[in-house]
Amino acid sequence: MVLLFNGDDPDALALARSTWTDCKTRGFEVTYWQAFERGRWQRRN
């Protein structure tokens, strides 16, 4: 699953975090990508 959301929107961020936790609890491997100020992305887990 790919979940795209606006990280500047508190409601969207809360929903994304809830979805992350739910997927992790169900045993899925979860990772996310974090954007940095120069437009580069880094994979996190």
C-alpha atoms as a PDB file:
ATOM      1  CA  MET A   1       0.000   0.000   0.000  1.00  0.00           C
ATOM      2  CA  VAL A   2       1.187   3.513  -0.675  1.00  0.00           C
ATOM      3  CA  LEU A   3      -0.311   6.257   1.435  1.00  0.00           C
ATOM      4  CA  LEU A   4       0.222   9.845   0.316  1.00  0.00           C
ATOM      5  CA  PHE A   5      -0.791  12.675   2.620  1.00  0.00           C
ATOM      6  CA  ASN A   6      -0.132  16.326   3.351  1.00  0.00           C
ATOM      7  CA  GLY A   7       2.263  16.395   6.300  1.00  0.00           C
ATOM      8  CA  ASP A   8       1.304  20.019   6.991  1.00  0.00           C
ATOM      9  CA  ASP A   9      -2.319  19.014   7.654  1.00  0.00           C
ATOM     10  CA  PRO A  10      -2.681  17.854  11.286  1.00  0.00           C
ATOM     11  CA  ASP A  11      -5.752  15.708  10.530  1.00  0.00           C
ATOM     12  CA  ALA A  12      -4.073  14.001   7.558  1.00  0.00           C
ATOM     13  CA  LEU A  13      -0.934  13.406   9.621  1.00  0.00           C
ATOM     14  CA  ALA A  14      -2.934  11.865  12.478  1.00  0.00           C
ATOM     15  CA  LEU A  15      -4.740   9.553  10.062  1.00  0.00           C
ATOM     16  CA  ALA A  16      -1.462   8.521   8.419  1.00  0.00           C
ATOM     17  CA  ARG A  17       0.083   7.733  11.811  1.00  0.00           C
ATOM     18  CA  SER A  18      -2.973   5.708  12.791  1.00  0.00           C
ATOM     19  CA  THR A  19      -2.824   3.781   9.525  1.00  0.00           C
ATOM     20  CA  TRP A  20       0.916   3.162  10.028  1.00  0.00           C
ATOM     21  CA  THR A  21       0.308   1.751  13.512  1.00  0.00           C
ATOM     22  CA  ASP A  22      -2.566  -0.424  12.304  1.00  0.00           C
ATOM     23  CA  CYS A  23      -0.510  -1.887   9.444  1.00  0.00           C
ATOM     24  CA  LYS A  24       2.454  -2.533  11.740  1.00  0.00           C
ATOM     25  CA  THR A  25       0.199  -4.223  14.324  1.00  0.00           C
ATOM     26  CA  ARG A  26      -1.172  -6.501  11.593  1.00  0.00           C
ATOM     27  CA  GLY A  27       2.365  -7.645  10.777  1.00  0.00           C
ATOM     28  CA  PHE A  28       3.018  -5.728   7.594  1.00  0.00           C
ATOM     29  CA  GLU A  29       6.518  -4.435   6.887  1.00  0.00           C
ATOM     30  CA  VAL A  30       6.188  -0.660   6.979  1.00  0.00           C
ATOM     31  CA  THR A  31       8.559   2.077   5.826  1.00  0.00           C
ATOM     32  CA  TYR A  32       8.202   5.723   4.977  1.00  0.00           C
ATOM     33  CA  TRP A  33      10.082   8.317   2.983  1.00  0.00           C
ATOM     34  CA  GLN A  34      10.954  11.670   4.507  1.00  0.00           C
ATOM     35  CA  ALA A  35      11.566  14.762   2.405  1.00  0.00           C
ATOM     36  CA  PHE A  36      14.388  17.138   3.290  1.00  0.00           C
ATOM     37  CA  GLU A  37      14.716  20.836   2.578  1.00  0.00           C
ATOM     38  CA  ARG A  38      16.712  20.390  -0.648  1.00  0.00           C
ATOM     39  CA  GLY A  39      14.045  18.142  -2.139  1.00  0.00           C
ATOM     40  CA  ARG A  40      15.879  14.899  -1.437  1.00  0.00           C
ATOM     41  CA  TRP A  41      14.033  11.910   0.006  1.00  0.00           C
ATOM     42  CA  GLN A  42      15.334   9.384   2.526  1.00  0.00           C
ATOM     43  CA  ARG A  43      13.791   6.016   3.331  1.00  0.00           C
ATOM     44  CA  ARG A  44      12.949   5.488   6.997  1.00  0.00           C
ATOM     45  CA  ASN A  45      11.442   2.621   8.971  1.00  0.00           C
END
